Amino acid sequence: SGTHWLTIESTDQYDTGIKIKNDTDGTPQEWLQLVGATSGRFYLKDQTNTSWPIVIEKATSAGSTDNTVRIDADGNLGVGTDNPGAKLDVRGDVVISDGTDPAITLFNNDSVASGPDILFHEAGLIAAEGRIHLNINSDGGSDDLFIRTGGDTDSATEIARFTNTGRFGLGGIDPSHQFHIKSAAANTDVIVI
């Protein structure tokens, strides 16, 4: 009954209701297998309605744990954090892959000087079925928008720049006019408007 600490009930549907196994053939395996009824559902339910219904932790030392995965009472999933602030909150790098090679990596370094925050490992495409807005200085800053080539940091060669005042420069120039093109070979202005 529901008043017991452990209740295992089975009508022999799919042969196994619950199984915990530890092989002793030199390669120990510890796992938990649950086979549900015909609905195929698997439940982890917190009957006490606490703030953290599901917690998966890794022991780091005696008496301490590392917050590996948590799901809070609002359904927010945290990976590497004990306080997820969104439906998915990951603290660390994220790799999106087809199962063999990574396709996209989201880095958690927050520094264009030390490497990319978003890396396409092959040719990349950003597409939308409507408008695309690329905003800079969303926190009230005054930085420019750069397009660079030949590297994955802010030290790569600059080929174009949009300033925060609406000027556009080509050829690695900080534009002093609305439209400013500089020849890299001659290091002279080609077109200034």
Protein backbone atom coordinates (compact mmCIF):
# COMPACT_ATOMS: atom_id res chain seq x y z
CA SER A 1 0.00 0.00 0.00
CA GLY A 2 0.99 3.65 -0.22
CA THR A 3 1.91 3.74 3.47
CA HIS A 4 4.97 1.52 2.94
CA TRP A 5 8.43 2.85 2.19
CA LEU A 6 8.85 0.49 -0.75
CA THR A 7 5.99 -0.90 -2.81
CA ILE A 8 6.56 -3.14 -5.83
CA GLU A 9 3.51 -4.34 -7.67
CA SER A 10 3.40 -6.32 -10.88
CA THR A 11 0.88 -8.16 -13.01
CA ASP A 12 3.74 -9.69 -15.04
CA GLN A 13 3.17 -7.16 -17.84
CA TYR A 14 6.32 -7.33 -19.99
CA ASP A 15 7.83 -9.78 -17.48
CA THR A 16 9.69 -7.23 -15.31
CA GLY A 17 8.30 -4.54 -13.02
CA ILE A 18 11.56 -3.36 -11.46
CA LYS A 19 15.09 -4.77 -11.55
CA ILE A 20 18.32 -3.69 -9.84
CA LYS A 21 21.36 -5.66 -10.96
CA ASN A 22 25.05 -5.82 -10.07
CA ASP A 23 27.06 -8.35 -12.06
CA THR A 24 29.92 -10.12 -10.29
CA ASP A 25 31.88 -11.26 -13.35
CA GLY A 26 34.69 -8.74 -12.89
CA THR A 27 32.87 -5.91 -14.67
CA PRO A 28 30.29 -4.67 -12.15
CA GLN A 29 27.21 -3.06 -13.60
CA GLU A 30 24.73 -1.15 -11.52
CA TRP A 31 21.50 -0.08 -13.11
CA LEU A 32 17.81 0.28 -12.52
CA GLN A 33 15.24 -1.02 -14.97
CA LEU A 34 11.56 -0.19 -14.75
CA VAL A 35 9.03 -1.55 -17.19
CA GLY A 36 5.62 0.08 -17.12
CA ALA A 37 2.23 -1.03 -18.27
CA THR A 38 0.91 -0.77 -21.82
CA SER A 39 0.98 3.05 -21.64
CA GLY A 40 4.78 2.91 -21.56
CA ARG A 41 5.00 5.74 -19.05
CA PHE A 42 7.79 6.22 -16.55
CA TYR A 43 7.15 8.45 -13.54
CA LEU A 44 9.40 10.16 -11.04
CA LYS A 45 7.03 11.82 -8.64
CA ASP A 46 7.63 13.91 -5.53
CA GLN A 47 4.77 13.25 -3.15
CA THR A 48 5.97 15.95 -0.71
CA ASN A 49 5.69 18.81 -3.25
CA THR A 50 9.15 20.18 -2.44
CA SER A 51 11.02 22.86 -4.38
CA TRP A 52 13.36 20.28 -5.96
CA PRO A 53 11.39 17.18 -7.00
CA ILE A 54 14.25 15.65 -9.01
CA VAL A 55 17.95 16.00 -8.19
CA ILE A 56 20.89 14.10 -9.71
CA GLU A 57 24.14 14.81 -7.89
CA LYS A 58 27.74 13.66 -8.05
CA ALA A 59 29.72 13.19 -4.87
CA THR A 60 32.88 15.33 -5.02
CA SER A 61 34.27 14.56 -1.57
CA ALA A 62 33.12 13.30 1.78
CA GLY A 63 30.00 15.16 2.76
CA SER A 64 29.73 17.34 -0.37
CA THR A 65 28.04 16.99 -3.75
CA ASP A 66 28.15 18.65 -7.15
CA ASN A 67 24.87 19.88 -8.62
CA THR A 68 24.78 17.93 -11.87
CA VAL A 69 21.10 18.00 -12.90
CA ARG A 70 18.09 19.52 -11.15
CA ILE A 71 14.46 20.01 -12.05
CA ASP A 72 12.64 22.48 -9.84
CA ALA A 73 8.97 22.64 -8.93
CA ASP A 74 8.27 25.01 -11.86
CA GLY A 75 9.68 22.55 -14.40
CA ASN A 76 12.97 24.40 -14.95
CA LEU A 77 15.87 22.09 -15.83
CA GLY A 78 19.31 23.05 -14.54
CA VAL A 79 22.55 21.44 -15.70
CA GLY A 80 25.52 22.40 -13.56
CA THR A 81 23.45 24.74 -11.40
CA ASP A 82 21.25 24.32 -8.35
CA ASN A 83 19.07 27.30 -9.24
CA PRO A 84 17.93 27.21 -12.90
CA GLY A 85 16.52 30.54 -14.02
CA ALA A 86 14.82 29.31 -17.20
CA LYS A 87 13.21 26.20 -18.68
CA LEU A 88 16.74 25.12 -19.67
CA ASP A 89 19.68 26.60 -17.74
CA VAL A 90 23.10 25.17 -18.61
CA ARG A 91 26.25 26.32 -16.80
CA GLY A 92 29.11 25.30 -19.08
CA ASP A 93 29.71 24.64 -22.77
CA VAL A 94 26.99 23.09 -24.92
CA VAL A 95 27.75 20.86 -27.92
CA ILE A 96 25.11 20.17 -30.58
CA SER A 97 26.11 17.15 -32.64
CA ASP A 98 24.79 14.62 -35.13
CA GLY A 99 26.33 11.87 -33.02
CA THR A 100 29.81 11.84 -34.53
CA ASP A 101 31.33 15.29 -34.96
CA PRO A 102 30.16 18.46 -33.19
CA ALA A 103 28.17 20.79 -35.43
CA ILE A 104 27.71 23.78 -33.11
CA THR A 105 29.39 24.54 -29.79
CA LEU A 106 28.12 27.22 -27.42
CA PHE A 107 31.04 28.28 -25.23
CA ASN A 108 30.76 29.68 -21.73
CA ASN A 109 33.95 31.78 -21.80
CA ASP A 110 32.21 35.14 -22.40
CA SER A 111 35.32 36.54 -24.11
CA VAL A 112 35.90 37.23 -27.81
CA ALA A 113 39.62 37.53 -27.05
CA SER A 114 39.95 33.90 -25.92
CA GLY A 115 37.73 32.25 -28.51
CA PRO A 116 34.23 32.00 -29.93
CA ASP A 117 31.06 31.94 -27.89
CA ILE A 118 29.22 30.27 -30.81
CA LEU A 119 31.28 28.07 -33.13
CA PHE A 120 30.01 26.43 -36.33
CA HIS A 121 32.43 23.54 -36.91
CA GLU A 122 31.73 23.49 -40.65
CA ALA A 123 30.03 25.96 -43.00
CA GLY A 124 27.25 27.73 -41.12
CA LEU A 125 23.94 29.29 -42.05
CA ILE A 126 21.70 31.60 -40.07
CA ALA A 127 18.24 31.88 -41.61
CA ALA A 128 14.84 33.20 -40.64
CA GLU A 129 11.40 33.09 -42.20
CA GLY A 130 10.97 36.75 -41.32
CA ARG A 131 13.13 39.69 -40.34
CA ILE A 132 16.54 39.30 -38.72
CA HIS A 133 17.61 41.94 -36.22
CA LEU A 134 21.26 42.13 -35.17
CA ASN A 135 21.49 44.44 -32.18
CA ILE A 136 24.66 45.68 -30.49
CA ASN A 137 25.06 47.66 -27.28
CA SER A 138 21.86 46.26 -25.84
CA ASP A 139 23.16 47.21 -22.40
CA GLY A 140 23.67 50.86 -23.39
CA GLY A 141 27.30 50.60 -24.55
CA SER A 142 28.94 52.33 -27.51
CA ASP A 143 30.85 49.58 -29.31
CA ASP A 144 30.98 48.89 -33.04
CA LEU A 145 29.96 45.83 -35.08
CA PHE A 146 32.92 44.06 -36.72
CA ILE A 147 33.18 41.48 -39.51
CA ARG A 148 36.50 39.62 -39.39
CA THR A 149 38.19 36.76 -41.24
CA GLY A 150 41.05 34.31 -40.71
CA GLY A 151 40.58 33.53 -37.02
CA ASP A 152 38.16 32.89 -34.20
CA THR A 153 39.04 35.76 -31.85
CA ASP A 154 38.82 39.55 -31.96
CA SER A 155 42.42 39.67 -33.24
CA ALA A 156 41.42 38.25 -36.65
CA THR A 157 41.70 40.49 -39.70
CA GLU A 158 38.98 43.13 -39.84
CA ILE A 159 37.28 43.46 -43.24
CA ALA A 160 34.25 45.60 -42.37
CA ARG A 161 32.89 47.69 -39.53
CA PHE A 162 29.59 49.32 -38.65
CA THR A 163 30.04 51.99 -36.02
CA ASN A 164 27.56 52.76 -33.30
CA THR A 165 26.92 56.11 -35.04
CA GLY A 166 25.81 54.46 -38.30
CA ARG A 167 29.05 54.73 -40.30
CA PHE A 168 30.31 51.86 -42.48
CA GLY A 169 33.96 51.11 -43.22
CA LEU A 170 35.59 48.54 -45.53
CA GLY A 171 39.23 47.48 -45.55
CA GLY A 172 39.96 47.56 -41.81
CA ILE A 173 39.26 51.24 -41.28
CA ASP A 174 37.57 53.07 -38.45
CA PRO A 175 35.31 55.11 -40.77
CA SER A 176 35.47 58.86 -40.41
CA HIS A 177 32.60 59.30 -42.91
CA GLN A 178 29.25 57.62 -43.51
CA PHE A 179 30.77 55.33 -46.18
CA HIS A 180 34.54 54.82 -46.04
CA ILE A 181 36.58 52.32 -48.11
CA LYS A 182 40.30 51.92 -47.62
CA SER A 183 42.74 50.01 -49.83
CA ALA A 184 44.74 47.58 -47.74
CA ALA A 185 47.50 47.42 -50.35
CA ALA A 186 48.10 51.15 -50.69
CA ASN A 187 46.83 52.03 -47.20
CA THR A 188 44.99 54.96 -48.72
CA ASP A 189 41.36 56.02 -48.96
CA VAL A 190 39.61 54.73 -52.07
CA ILE A 191 36.08 56.05 -51.58
CA VAL A 192 34.88 58.46 -48.93
CA ILE A 193 31.28 59.66 -48.79
